[in-house]
Amino acid sequence: MERAGRILTARPGATTADALGLLAGFALDAVVGDPRRFHPVAGFGQAAGALERRLYAPNRWAGTAFTTAAVGVPVAAGLAASLLTRRQPVARAALVAAATWTVLGGRTLRRESAVMATHLENADLPAARGRLNHLCGRDPSTLDEPELARATVESVAENTSDAVVAPLFWGGLFGLPGLLGYRAANTLDAMVGHRSPRYARFGTPSARLDDALNLLPSRLTGLLTIAAAPLVKGRPAEALRVWRRDRNDHPSPNAGQCESAMAGALGVRLGGRNVYFGRTETRPLLGDGPRPSASHLRRAARLSGAVGAGAVVLAAGVALLRAAVVRRAGKR
């Protein structure tokens, strides 16, 4: 009992360090961006690819085993690191900061939007088409300026949730295991969760896990986007109206939450015909107004940054609340 009491009383400082680590990691991403070389997420992707080659079979049982192993290992590593640093707040804060920096992609997302805006402002469609694959998997070969701008705005909206708000959300709730587990699941979805003959069944567990983990963060992203609309000369009331009307029209349970709020905040219309390599999808229209143009891309990037800032403040607050709960439990 005495040992358990010592562990509990040691945890509040470490849990408070989670909040500091989240804020520091967010600042690192905002200033430095993704690591240029030896990115840990890329390393995880290579390891997951090797595991897939060993476990692959065209059924969901194999996909479930793959998803469980590929996500379970990072979660276990996060739990172990949390346990080892439970009495070392400085080490815990450093680990959480490094993990947060690693899993976030906010600066990269905003930079890609700005690069695309520059290409479109210069009427350089070949360069813009060549850059689109940095943001999404659509076939850019026949896209004009409005369609390239639309694809960019939609990607910024969705990835603000996937690459910024969601990792911060789970990091605030669970610290290191939440950060690493979410990024692992989201990476698997990008690898095997898409529709293709190979992954039609094998990739389903990864896709469903990613959908589940993004249910709350995507809706939080929509609400933060609405609140931040005035920063891009939008009206929160209009963004809220569009979000409430259109958010469930998207075939994804989560993307529509982010894209409809972005459409309402920017005063543009998203959705329509999307051509991928080998397939075509027609998406419902989201929002009212004109198609996006180059000028909207810089506003979308600014809005994405504001949403990320709001999300990290909320995540740090949740981590502090966890500290308070643990502190109170340790005094009993």
C-alpha atoms as a PDB file:
ATOM      1  CA  MET A   1       0.000   0.000   0.000  1.00  0.00           C
ATOM      2  CA  GLU A   2       2.818   2.388   0.845  1.00  0.00           C
ATOM      3  CA  ARG A   3       4.482   1.705  -2.511  1.00  0.00           C
ATOM      4  CA  ALA A   4       1.198   2.336  -4.355  1.00  0.00           C
ATOM      5  CA  GLY A   5       0.803   5.589  -2.464  1.00  0.00           C
ATOM      6  CA  ARG A   6       4.281   6.759  -3.456  1.00  0.00           C
ATOM      7  CA  ILE A   7       3.546   6.019  -7.118  1.00  0.00           C
ATOM      8  CA  LEU A   8       0.266   7.897  -7.022  1.00  0.00           C
ATOM      9  CA  THR A   9       1.777  10.941  -5.367  1.00  0.00           C
ATOM     10  CA  ALA A  10       4.587  10.917  -7.926  1.00  0.00           C
ATOM     11  CA  ARG A  11       2.254  10.962 -10.866  1.00  0.00           C
ATOM     12  CA  PRO A  12       0.720  14.446 -10.613  1.00  0.00           C
ATOM     13  CA  GLY A  13       3.995  16.192 -11.502  1.00  0.00           C
ATOM     14  CA  ALA A  14       4.535  13.890 -14.445  1.00  0.00           C
ATOM     15  CA  THR A  15       0.973  14.349 -15.639  1.00  0.00           C
ATOM     16  CA  THR A  16       1.323  18.124 -15.355  1.00  0.00           C
ATOM     17  CA  ALA A  17       4.416  17.696 -17.518  1.00  0.00           C
ATOM     18  CA  ASP A  18       2.153  16.214 -20.208  1.00  0.00           C
ATOM     19  CA  ALA A  19       0.518  19.624 -20.613  1.00  0.00           C
ATOM     20  CA  LEU A  20       3.880  21.361 -20.886  1.00  0.00           C
ATOM     21  CA  GLY A  21       5.090  18.735 -23.350  1.00  0.00           C
ATOM     22  CA  LEU A  22       2.018  19.170 -25.558  1.00  0.00           C
ATOM     23  CA  LEU A  23       2.514  22.939 -25.661  1.00  0.00           C
ATOM     24  CA  ALA A  24       6.256  22.632 -26.338  1.00  0.00           C
ATOM     25  CA  GLY A  25       5.730  20.025 -29.064  1.00  0.00           C
ATOM     26  CA  PHE A  26       3.100  22.179 -30.736  1.00  0.00           C
ATOM     27  CA  ALA A  27       5.491  25.126 -30.660  1.00  0.00           C
ATOM     28  CA  LEU A  28       8.253  22.989 -32.197  1.00  0.00           C
ATOM     29  CA  ASP A  29       5.962  21.946 -35.034  1.00  0.00           C
ATOM     30  CA  ALA A  30       4.889  25.548 -35.598  1.00  0.00           C
ATOM     31  CA  VAL A  31       8.485  26.809 -35.751  1.00  0.00           C
ATOM     32  CA  VAL A  32      10.438  23.876 -37.195  1.00  0.00           C
ATOM     33  CA  GLY A  33       7.891  21.665 -38.929  1.00  0.00           C
ATOM     34  CA  ASP A  34       8.365  17.990 -39.708  1.00  0.00           C
ATOM     35  CA  PRO A  35      11.854  16.483 -39.354  1.00  0.00           C
ATOM     36  CA  ARG A  36      13.506  16.599 -42.764  1.00  0.00           C
ATOM     37  CA  ARG A  37      15.289  13.275 -42.393  1.00  0.00           C
ATOM     38  CA  PHE A  38      14.745  10.116 -40.366  1.00  0.00           C
ATOM     39  CA  HIS A  39      11.112  10.971 -39.609  1.00  0.00           C
ATOM     40  CA  PRO A  40       9.852   8.480 -36.969  1.00  0.00           C
ATOM     41  CA  VAL A  41       6.455   8.224 -38.678  1.00  0.00           C
ATOM     42  CA  ALA A  42       8.162   7.211 -41.915  1.00  0.00           C
ATOM     43  CA  GLY A  43      10.132   4.613 -39.977  1.00  0.00           C
ATOM     44  CA  PHE A  44       6.919   3.296 -38.467  1.00  0.00           C
ATOM     45  CA  GLY A  45       5.411   3.096 -41.947  1.00  0.00           C
ATOM     46  CA  GLN A  46       8.320   0.982 -43.165  1.00  0.00           C
ATOM     47  CA  ALA A  47       8.005  -1.357 -40.198  1.00  0.00           C
ATOM     48  CA  ALA A  48       4.241  -1.605 -40.696  1.00  0.00           C
ATOM     49  CA  GLY A  49       4.800  -2.371 -44.376  1.00  0.00           C
ATOM     50  CA  ALA A  50       7.124  -5.235 -43.478  1.00  0.00           C
ATOM     51  CA  LEU A  51       4.545  -6.562 -41.009  1.00  0.00           C
ATOM     52  CA  GLU A  52       1.817  -6.334 -43.632  1.00  0.00           C
ATOM     53  CA  ARG A  53       3.833  -8.459 -46.039  1.00  0.00           C
ATOM     54  CA  ARG A  54       4.089 -11.164 -43.383  1.00  0.00           C
ATOM     55  CA  LEU A  55       0.454 -11.082 -42.233  1.00  0.00           C
ATOM     56  CA  TYR A  56      -1.441 -10.197 -45.386  1.00  0.00           C
ATOM     57  CA  ALA A  57      -4.407 -12.296 -46.445  1.00  0.00           C
ATOM     58  CA  PRO A  58      -7.517 -11.066 -48.289  1.00  0.00           C
ATOM     59  CA  ASN A  59      -9.775 -11.172 -45.218  1.00  0.00           C
ATOM     60  CA  ARG A  60     -10.640  -9.084 -42.180  1.00  0.00           C
ATOM     61  CA  TRP A  61      -9.164 -11.513 -39.663  1.00  0.00           C
ATOM     62  CA  ALA A  62      -5.702 -10.917 -41.072  1.00  0.00           C
ATOM     63  CA  GLY A  63      -6.412  -7.179 -41.182  1.00  0.00           C
ATOM     64  CA  THR A  64      -7.472  -7.223 -37.529  1.00  0.00           C
ATOM     65  CA  ALA A  65      -4.294  -9.030 -36.488  1.00  0.00           C
ATOM     66  CA  PHE A  66      -2.212  -6.551 -38.470  1.00  0.00           C
ATOM     67  CA  THR A  67      -3.986  -3.515 -36.986  1.00  0.00           C
ATOM     68  CA  THR A  68      -3.803  -4.856 -33.440  1.00  0.00           C
ATOM     69  CA  ALA A  69      -0.082  -5.532 -33.651  1.00  0.00           C
ATOM     70  CA  ALA A  70       0.854  -2.356 -35.508  1.00  0.00           C
ATOM     71  CA  VAL A  71      -1.090  -0.085 -33.135  1.00  0.00           C
ATOM     72  CA  GLY A  72      -0.532  -2.135 -29.985  1.00  0.00           C
ATOM     73  CA  VAL A  73       3.258  -1.878 -30.078  1.00  0.00           C
ATOM     74  CA  PRO A  74       3.378   1.968 -30.100  1.00  0.00           C
ATOM     75  CA  VAL A  75       0.717   2.111 -27.386  1.00  0.00           C
ATOM     76  CA  ALA A  76       2.704  -0.332 -25.250  1.00  0.00           C
ATOM     77  CA  ALA A  77       5.864   1.699 -25.832  1.00  0.00           C
ATOM     78  CA  GLY A  78       4.039   4.842 -24.748  1.00  0.00           C
ATOM     79  CA  LEU A  79       2.735   3.146 -21.630  1.00  0.00           C
ATOM     80  CA  ALA A  80       6.201   1.881 -20.746  1.00  0.00           C
ATOM     81  CA  ALA A  81       7.745   5.323 -21.247  1.00  0.00           C
ATOM     82  CA  SER A  82       4.994   6.887 -19.122  1.00  0.00           C
ATOM     83  CA  LEU A  83       5.635   4.381 -16.344  1.00  0.00           C
ATOM     84  CA  LEU A  84       9.398   4.903 -16.422  1.00  0.00           C
ATOM     85  CA  THR A  85       9.037   8.693 -16.200  1.00  0.00           C
ATOM     86  CA  ARG A  86       6.239   8.829 -13.651  1.00  0.00           C
ATOM     87  CA  ARG A  87       8.622  10.375 -11.096  1.00  0.00           C
ATOM     88  CA  GLN A  88      10.647  12.423 -13.605  1.00  0.00           C
ATOM     89  CA  PRO A  89       8.575  15.394 -14.792  1.00  0.00           C
ATOM     90  CA  VAL A  90      11.383  16.908 -16.872  1.00  0.00           C
ATOM     91  CA  ALA A  91      11.984  13.661 -18.759  1.00  0.00           C
ATOM     92  CA  ARG A  92       8.237  13.170 -19.198  1.00  0.00           C
ATOM     93  CA  ALA A  93       7.794  16.689 -20.588  1.00  0.00           C
ATOM     94  CA  ALA A  94      10.700  16.165 -23.000  1.00  0.00           C
ATOM     95  CA  LEU A  95       9.293  12.843 -24.233  1.00  0.00           C
ATOM     96  CA  VAL A  96       5.793  14.253 -24.714  1.00  0.00           C
ATOM     97  CA  ALA A  97       7.213  17.299 -26.519  1.00  0.00           C
ATOM     98  CA  ALA A  98       9.246  15.097 -28.863  1.00  0.00           C
ATOM     99  CA  ALA A  99       6.284  12.806 -29.527  1.00  0.00           C
ATOM    100  CA  THR A 100       3.927  15.737 -30.116  1.00  0.00           C
ATOM    101  CA  TRP A 101       6.365  17.343 -32.547  1.00  0.00           C
ATOM    102  CA  THR A 102       6.723  14.031 -34.346  1.00  0.00           C
ATOM    103  CA  VAL A 103       3.016  13.286 -34.783  1.00  0.00           C
ATOM    104  CA  LEU A 104       1.810  16.782 -35.711  1.00  0.00           C
ATOM    105  CA  GLY A 105       1.789  18.073 -39.263  1.00  0.00           C
ATOM    106  CA  GLY A 106       0.311  21.556 -38.940  1.00  0.00           C
ATOM    107  CA  ARG A 107       3.217  23.603 -40.296  1.00  0.00           C
ATOM    108  CA  THR A 108       3.676  21.268 -43.259  1.00  0.00           C
ATOM    109  CA  LEU A 109      -0.024  21.454 -44.050  1.00  0.00           C
ATOM    110  CA  ARG A 110      -0.037  25.254 -43.985  1.00  0.00           C
ATOM    111  CA  ARG A 111       3.144  25.416 -46.067  1.00  0.00           C
ATOM    112  CA  GLU A 112       1.680  23.165 -48.759  1.00  0.00           C
ATOM    113  CA  SER A 113      -1.417  25.336 -48.932  1.00  0.00           C
ATOM    114  CA  ALA A 114       0.752  28.434 -49.326  1.00  0.00           C
ATOM    115  CA  VAL A 115       2.877  26.802 -52.043  1.00  0.00           C
ATOM    116  CA  MET A 116      -0.256  25.826 -53.952  1.00  0.00           C
ATOM    117  CA  ALA A 117      -1.597  29.370 -53.590  1.00  0.00           C
ATOM    118  CA  THR A 118       1.616  30.764 -55.074  1.00  0.00           C
ATOM    119  CA  HIS A 119       1.456  28.435 -58.063  1.00  0.00           C
ATOM    120  CA  LEU A 120      -2.161  29.346 -58.746  1.00  0.00           C
ATOM    121  CA  GLU A 121      -1.539  33.069 -58.295  1.00  0.00           C
ATOM    122  CA  ASN A 122       1.216  32.749 -60.911  1.00  0.00           C
ATOM    123  CA  ALA A 123      -1.131  30.789 -63.204  1.00  0.00           C
ATOM    124  CA  ASP A 124       1.400  27.941 -63.152  1.00  0.00           C
ATOM    125  CA  LEU A 125      -1.025  25.019 -63.518  1.00  0.00           C
ATOM    126  CA  PRO A 126       1.661  22.390 -64.301  1.00  0.00           C
ATOM    127  CA  ALA A 127       3.471  23.217 -61.057  1.00  0.00           C
ATOM    128  CA  ALA A 128       0.200  23.246 -59.104  1.00  0.00           C
ATOM    129  CA  ARG A 129      -0.826  19.893 -60.531  1.00  0.00           C
ATOM    130  CA  GLY A 130       2.562  18.445 -59.693  1.00  0.00           C
ATOM    131  CA  ARG A 131       2.251  19.654 -56.108  1.00  0.00           C
ATOM    132  CA  LEU A 132      -1.217  18.309 -55.376  1.00  0.00           C
ATOM    133  CA  ASN A 133       0.001  14.830 -54.461  1.00  0.00           C
ATOM    134  CA  HIS A 134       1.640  16.384 -51.391  1.00  0.00           C
ATOM    135  CA  LEU A 135      -1.880  16.918 -50.059  1.00  0.00           C
ATOM    136  CA  CYS A 136      -4.181  14.256 -51.501  1.00  0.00           C
ATOM    137  CA  GLY A 137      -4.411  11.326 -53.887  1.00  0.00           C
ATOM    138  CA  ARG A 138      -6.549  12.831 -56.649  1.00  0.00           C
ATOM    139  CA  ASP A 139      -5.541  12.708 -60.286  1.00  0.00           C
ATOM    140  CA  PRO A 140      -4.528  16.327 -61.032  1.00  0.00           C
ATOM    141  CA  SER A 141      -3.892  15.950 -64.752  1.00  0.00           C
ATOM    142  CA  THR A 142      -7.120  17.651 -65.890  1.00  0.00           C
ATOM    143  CA  LEU A 143      -7.834  19.936 -62.921  1.00  0.00           C
ATOM    144  CA  ASP A 144      -8.183  23.686 -63.464  1.00  0.00           C
ATOM    145  CA  GLU A 145      -7.551  26.427 -60.897  1.00  0.00           C
ATOM    146  CA  PRO A 146     -10.917  26.176 -59.058  1.00  0.00           C
ATOM    147  CA  GLU A 147     -10.651  22.396 -58.819  1.00  0.00           C
ATOM    148  CA  LEU A 148      -7.047  22.523 -57.633  1.00  0.00           C
ATOM    149  CA  ALA A 149      -8.050  25.147 -55.064  1.00  0.00           C
ATOM    150  CA  ARG A 150     -11.021  23.047 -53.975  1.00  0.00           C
ATOM    151  CA  ALA A 151      -8.890  19.948 -53.524  1.00  0.00           C
ATOM    152  CA  THR A 152      -6.443  21.975 -51.429  1.00  0.00           C
ATOM    153  CA  VAL A 153      -9.082  23.541 -49.196  1.00  0.00           C
ATOM    154  CA  GLU A 154     -10.748  20.165 -48.617  1.00  0.00           C
ATOM    155  CA  SER A 155      -7.396  18.563 -47.791  1.00  0.00           C
ATOM    156  CA  VAL A 156      -6.464  21.361 -45.397  1.00  0.00           C
ATOM    157  CA  ALA A 157      -9.836  21.055 -43.655  1.00  0.00           C
ATOM    158  CA  GLU A 158      -9.681  17.270 -43.241  1.00  0.00           C
ATOM    159  CA  ASN A 159      -5.998  17.127 -42.335  1.00  0.00           C
ATOM    160  CA  THR A 160      -6.360  19.862 -39.752  1.00  0.00           C
ATOM    161  CA  SER A 161      -8.352  17.247 -37.868  1.00  0.00           C
ATOM    162  CA  ASP A 162      -6.238  14.222 -38.781  1.00  0.00           C
ATOM    163  CA  ALA A 163      -2.783  15.776 -38.382  1.00  0.00           C
ATOM    164  CA  VAL A 164      -3.371  18.382 -35.676  1.00  0.00           C
ATOM    165  CA  VAL A 165      -6.563  18.255 -33.619  1.00  0.00           C
ATOM    166  CA  ALA A 166      -6.919  14.473 -33.284  1.00  0.00           C
ATOM    167  CA  PRO A 167      -3.373  13.744 -32.039  1.00  0.00           C
ATOM    168  CA  LEU A 168      -3.646  16.631 -29.572  1.00  0.00           C
ATOM    169  CA  PHE A 169      -7.060  15.370 -28.444  1.00  0.00           C
ATOM    170  CA  TRP A 170      -5.771  11.883 -27.662  1.00  0.00           C
ATOM    171  CA  GLY A 171      -2.527  13.238 -26.235  1.00  0.00           C
ATOM    172  CA  GLY A 172      -4.489  15.409 -23.846  1.00  0.00           C
ATOM    173  CA  LEU A 173      -6.576  12.462 -22.705  1.00  0.00           C
ATOM    174  CA  PHE A 174      -3.890   9.774 -22.468  1.00  0.00           C
ATOM    175  CA  GLY A 175      -0.472  11.365 -22.872  1.00  0.00           C
ATOM    176  CA  LEU A 176       2.217   9.405 -24.700  1.00  0.00           C
ATOM    177  CA  PRO A 177       0.085   6.300 -25.420  1.00  0.00           C
ATOM    178  CA  GLY A 178      -2.618   8.510 -26.910  1.00  0.00           C
ATOM    179  CA  LEU A 179      -0.207  10.416 -29.136  1.00  0.00           C
ATOM    180  CA  LEU A 180       1.607   7.342 -30.443  1.00  0.00           C
ATOM    181  CA  GLY A 181      -1.455   5.124 -30.733  1.00  0.00           C
ATOM    182  CA  TYR A 182      -3.441   7.677 -32.701  1.00  0.00           C
ATOM    183  CA  ARG A 183      -0.629   8.414 -35.132  1.00  0.00           C
ATOM    184  CA  ALA A 184      -0.075   4.687 -35.684  1.00  0.00           C
ATOM    185  CA  ALA A 185      -3.770   4.109 -36.440  1.00  0.00           C
ATOM    186  CA  ASN A 186      -3.958   7.107 -38.766  1.00  0.00           C
ATOM    187  CA  THR A 187      -0.833   5.991 -40.631  1.00  0.00           C
ATOM    188  CA  LEU A 188      -2.276   2.511 -41.118  1.00  0.00           C
ATOM    189  CA  ASP A 189      -5.446   4.022 -42.551  1.00  0.00           C
ATOM    190  CA  ALA A 190      -3.366   5.907 -45.109  1.00  0.00           C
ATOM    191  CA  MET A 191      -1.475   2.721 -45.971  1.00  0.00           C
ATOM    192  CA  VAL A 192      -4.221   0.099 -46.175  1.00  0.00           C
ATOM    193  CA  GLY A 193      -7.518   1.815 -45.355  1.00  0.00           C
ATOM    194  CA  HIS A 194      -8.294   3.025 -48.869  1.00  0.00           C
ATOM    195  CA  ARG A 195     -10.516   1.267 -51.385  1.00  0.00           C
ATOM    196  CA  SER A 196      -8.599  -1.077 -53.643  1.00  0.00           C
ATOM    197  CA  PRO A 197      -8.835  -4.739 -54.644  1.00  0.00           C
ATOM    198  CA  ARG A 198      -5.950  -5.647 -52.327  1.00  0.00           C
ATOM    199  CA  TYR A 199      -7.260  -3.833 -49.247  1.00  0.00           C
ATOM    200  CA  ALA A 200     -11.023  -4.204 -49.721  1.00  0.00           C
ATOM    201  CA  ARG A 201     -11.212  -6.519 -46.701  1.00  0.00           C
ATOM    202  CA  PHE A 202      -7.728  -6.536 -45.179  1.00  0.00           C
ATOM    203  CA  GLY A 203      -7.778  -2.762 -44.728  1.00  0.00           C
ATOM    204  CA  THR A 204     -11.257  -2.542 -43.208  1.00  0.00           C
ATOM    205  CA  PRO A 205     -10.168  -2.879 -39.527  1.00  0.00           C
ATOM    206  CA  SER A 206      -7.592  -0.097 -39.926  1.00  0.00           C
ATOM    207  CA  ALA A 207     -10.128   2.150 -41.650  1.00  0.00           C
ATOM    208  CA  ARG A 208     -12.785   1.521 -39.004  1.00  0.00           C
ATOM    209  CA  LEU A 209     -10.349   2.171 -36.153  1.00  0.00           C
ATOM    210  CA  ASP A 210      -9.283   5.460 -37.729  1.00  0.00           C
ATOM    211  CA  ASP A 211     -12.939   6.450 -38.200  1.00  0.00           C
ATOM    212  CA  ALA A 212     -13.670   5.717 -34.544  1.00  0.00           C
ATOM    213  CA  LEU A 213     -10.655   7.626 -33.262  1.00  0.00           C
ATOM    214  CA  ASN A 214     -11.614  10.663 -35.345  1.00  0.00           C
ATOM    215  CA  LEU A 215     -15.309  10.827 -34.443  1.00  0.00           C
ATOM    216  CA  LEU A 216     -14.864  13.332 -31.616  1.00  0.00           C
ATOM    217  CA  PRO A 217     -11.798  15.217 -32.939  1.00  0.00           C
ATOM    218  CA  SER A 218     -13.452  15.903 -36.301  1.00  0.00           C
ATOM    219  CA  ARG A 219     -16.464  17.448 -34.612  1.00  0.00           C
ATOM    220  CA  LEU A 220     -14.199  19.463 -32.340  1.00  0.00           C
ATOM    221  CA  THR A 221     -12.357  20.640 -35.464  1.00  0.00           C
ATOM    222  CA  GLY A 222     -15.647  21.799 -36.950  1.00  0.00           C
ATOM    223  CA  LEU A 223     -16.571  23.761 -33.819  1.00  0.00           C
ATOM    224  CA  LEU A 224     -13.119  25.357 -33.535  1.00  0.00           C
ATOM    225  CA  THR A 225     -13.278  26.302 -37.220  1.00  0.00           C
ATOM    226  CA  ILE A 226     -16.614  28.006 -36.656  1.00  0.00           C
ATOM    227  CA  ALA A 227     -15.255  29.897 -33.645  1.00  0.00           C
ATOM    228  CA  ALA A 228     -12.164  31.037 -35.585  1.00  0.00           C
ATOM    229  CA  ALA A 229     -14.109  32.190 -38.679  1.00  0.00           C
ATOM    230  CA  PRO A 230     -13.718  35.928 -37.889  1.00  0.00           C
ATOM    231  CA  LEU A 231      -9.935  35.570 -38.272  1.00  0.00           C
ATOM    232  CA  VAL A 232     -10.482  34.994 -42.009  1.00  0.00           C
ATOM    233  CA  LYS A 233     -13.317  37.541 -42.339  1.00  0.00           C
ATOM    234  CA  GLY A 234     -15.939  34.840 -41.975  1.00  0.00           C
ATOM    235  CA  ARG A 235     -19.075  34.873 -39.857  1.00  0.00           C
ATOM    236  CA  PRO A 236     -19.463  32.216 -37.134  1.00  0.00           C
ATOM    237  CA  ALA A 237     -23.249  32.235 -37.539  1.00  0.00           C
ATOM    238  CA  GLU A 238     -22.935  31.433 -41.248  1.00  0.00           C
ATOM    239  CA  ALA A 239     -20.278  28.796 -40.642  1.00  0.00           C
ATOM    240  CA  LEU A 240     -22.483  27.206 -37.999  1.00  0.00           C
ATOM    241  CA  ARG A 241     -25.478  27.218 -40.337  1.00  0.00           C
ATOM    242  CA  VAL A 242     -23.550  25.484 -43.122  1.00  0.00           C
ATOM    243  CA  TRP A 243     -21.978  23.015 -40.706  1.00  0.00           C
ATOM    244  CA  ARG A 244     -25.315  21.998 -39.217  1.00  0.00           C
ATOM    245  CA  ARG A 245     -26.904  21.661 -42.649  1.00  0.00           C
ATOM    246  CA  ASP A 246     -24.161  19.907 -44.615  1.00  0.00           C
ATOM    247  CA  ARG A 247     -21.869  18.067 -42.168  1.00  0.00           C
ATOM    248  CA  ASN A 248     -23.599  14.692 -42.532  1.00  0.00           C
ATOM    249  CA  ASP A 249     -23.869  14.788 -46.329  1.00  0.00           C
ATOM    250  CA  HIS A 250     -20.281  13.653 -46.854  1.00  0.00           C
ATOM    251  CA  PRO A 251     -19.723   9.882 -47.337  1.00  0.00           C
ATOM    252  CA  SER A 252     -17.058   9.968 -44.605  1.00  0.00           C
ATOM    253  CA  PRO A 253     -18.391  10.080 -41.019  1.00  0.00           C
ATOM    254  CA  ASN A 254     -15.710  12.638 -40.170  1.00  0.00           C
ATOM    255  CA  ALA A 255     -14.473  14.590 -43.204  1.00  0.00           C
ATOM    256  CA  GLY A 256     -17.797  16.349 -43.695  1.00  0.00           C
ATOM    257  CA  GLN A 257     -17.580  17.813 -40.199  1.00  0.00           C
ATOM    258  CA  CYS A 258     -14.358  19.637 -41.062  1.00  0.00           C
ATOM    259  CA  GLU A 259     -15.043  20.477 -44.701  1.00  0.00           C
ATOM    260  CA  SER A 260     -18.519  21.914 -44.147  1.00  0.00           C
ATOM    261  CA  ALA A 261     -17.272  24.174 -41.342  1.00  0.00           C
ATOM    262  CA  MET A 262     -14.358  25.328 -43.523  1.00  0.00           C
ATOM    263  CA  ALA A 263     -16.735  25.994 -46.426  1.00  0.00           C
ATOM    264  CA  GLY A 264     -18.995  28.076 -44.197  1.00  0.00           C
ATOM    265  CA  ALA A 265     -16.106  30.015 -42.648  1.00  0.00           C
ATOM    266  CA  LEU A 266     -14.563  30.844 -46.046  1.00  0.00           C
ATOM    267  CA  GLY A 267     -17.886  31.418 -47.824  1.00  0.00           C
ATOM    268  CA  VAL A 268     -17.143  28.904 -50.589  1.00  0.00           C
ATOM    269  CA  ARG A 269     -18.705  25.766 -52.034  1.00  0.00           C
ATOM    270  CA  LEU A 270     -16.850  22.467 -51.725  1.00  0.00           C
ATOM    271  CA  GLY A 271     -17.671  18.977 -53.001  1.00  0.00           C
ATOM    272  CA  GLY A 272     -18.317  17.704 -56.499  1.00  0.00           C
ATOM    273  CA  ARG A 273     -16.641  15.211 -58.802  1.00  0.00           C
ATOM    274  CA  ASN A 274     -13.327  13.788 -57.591  1.00  0.00           C
ATOM    275  CA  VAL A 275     -11.168  11.769 -59.964  1.00  0.00           C
ATOM    276  CA  TYR A 276      -8.663   9.416 -58.397  1.00  0.00           C
ATOM    277  CA  PHE A 277      -6.305   7.051 -60.164  1.00  0.00           C
ATOM    278  CA  GLY A 278      -8.668   4.327 -61.341  1.00  0.00           C
ATOM    279  CA  ARG A 279     -11.949   5.537 -59.848  1.00  0.00           C
ATOM    280  CA  THR A 280     -14.292   8.515 -59.711  1.00  0.00           C
ATOM    281  CA  GLU A 281     -16.470   9.749 -56.852  1.00  0.00           C
ATOM    282  CA  THR A 282     -19.170  12.411 -56.842  1.00  0.00           C
ATOM    283  CA  ARG A 283     -19.443  14.144 -53.481  1.00  0.00           C
ATOM    284  CA  PRO A 284     -22.408  16.239 -52.279  1.00  0.00           C
ATOM    285  CA  LEU A 285     -21.929  19.998 -52.355  1.00  0.00           C
ATOM    286  CA  LEU A 286     -20.956  21.612 -49.057  1.00  0.00           C
ATOM    287  CA  GLY A 287     -21.482  25.308 -48.413  1.00  0.00           C
ATOM    288  CA  ASP A 288     -22.787  28.199 -50.477  1.00  0.00           C
ATOM    289  CA  GLY A 289     -20.927  30.616 -52.679  1.00  0.00           C
ATOM    290  CA  PRO A 290     -18.254  30.403 -55.371  1.00  0.00           C
ATOM    291  CA  ARG A 291     -15.682  27.716 -55.939  1.00  0.00           C
ATOM    292  CA  PRO A 292     -12.435  28.363 -54.029  1.00  0.00           C
ATOM    293  CA  SER A 293      -9.647  30.332 -55.664  1.00  0.00           C
ATOM    294  CA  ALA A 294      -6.002  30.962 -54.829  1.00  0.00           C
ATOM    295  CA  SER A 295      -6.921  33.685 -52.320  1.00  0.00           C
ATOM    296  CA  HIS A 296      -8.915  31.207 -50.254  1.00  0.00           C
ATOM    297  CA  LEU A 297      -5.902  28.929 -49.782  1.00  0.00           C
ATOM    298  CA  ARG A 298      -4.017  31.407 -47.630  1.00  0.00           C
ATOM    299  CA  ARG A 299      -7.140  32.030 -45.571  1.00  0.00           C
ATOM    300  CA  ALA A 300      -7.620  28.272 -45.146  1.00  0.00           C
ATOM    301  CA  ALA A 301      -4.032  27.943 -43.913  1.00  0.00           C
ATOM    302  CA  ARG A 302      -4.558  30.786 -41.427  1.00  0.00           C
ATOM    303  CA  LEU A 303      -7.771  29.174 -40.209  1.00  0.00           C
ATOM    304  CA  SER A 304      -6.031  25.809 -39.827  1.00  0.00           C
ATOM    305  CA  GLY A 305      -3.344  27.428 -37.676  1.00  0.00           C
ATOM    306  CA  ALA A 306      -5.944  29.059 -35.438  1.00  0.00           C
ATOM    307  CA  VAL A 307      -7.799  25.780 -35.012  1.00  0.00           C
ATOM    308  CA  GLY A 308      -4.557  24.054 -34.033  1.00  0.00           C
ATOM    309  CA  ALA A 309      -3.795  26.742 -31.453  1.00  0.00           C
ATOM    310  CA  GLY A 310      -7.225  26.322 -29.916  1.00  0.00           C
ATOM    311  CA  ALA A 311      -6.847  22.559 -29.889  1.00  0.00           C
ATOM    312  CA  VAL A 312      -3.503  22.593 -28.071  1.00  0.00           C
ATOM    313  CA  VAL A 313      -4.861  24.910 -25.386  1.00  0.00           C
ATOM    314  CA  LEU A 314      -7.787  22.526 -24.853  1.00  0.00           C
ATOM    315  CA  ALA A 315      -5.470  19.484 -24.860  1.00  0.00           C
ATOM    316  CA  ALA A 316      -3.184  21.061 -22.277  1.00  0.00           C
ATOM    317  CA  GLY A 317      -6.216  21.880 -20.174  1.00  0.00           C
ATOM    318  CA  VAL A 318      -7.378  18.260 -20.305  1.00  0.00           C
ATOM    319  CA  ALA A 319      -3.900  17.082 -19.283  1.00  0.00           C
ATOM    320  CA  LEU A 320      -3.965  19.481 -16.324  1.00  0.00           C
ATOM    321  CA  LEU A 321      -7.390  18.188 -15.370  1.00  0.00           C
ATOM    322  CA  ARG A 322      -5.965  14.665 -15.372  1.00  0.00           C
ATOM    323  CA  ALA A 323      -3.217  15.908 -13.044  1.00  0.00           C
ATOM    324  CA  ALA A 324      -5.793  17.353 -10.678  1.00  0.00           C
ATOM    325  CA  VAL A 325      -7.781  14.095 -10.643  1.00  0.00           C
ATOM    326  CA  VAL A 326      -4.647  12.039  -9.928  1.00  0.00           C
ATOM    327  CA  ARG A 327      -3.548  14.490  -7.238  1.00  0.00           C
ATOM    328  CA  ARG A 328      -6.911  14.238  -5.538  1.00  0.00           C
ATOM    329  CA  ALA A 329      -6.826  10.438  -5.755  1.00  0.00           C
ATOM    330  CA  GLY A 330      -3.329  10.412  -4.232  1.00  0.00           C
ATOM    331  CA  LYS A 331      -4.536  12.335  -1.194  1.00  0.00           C
ATOM    332  CA  ARG A 332      -7.248   9.819  -0.350  1.00  0.00           C
END
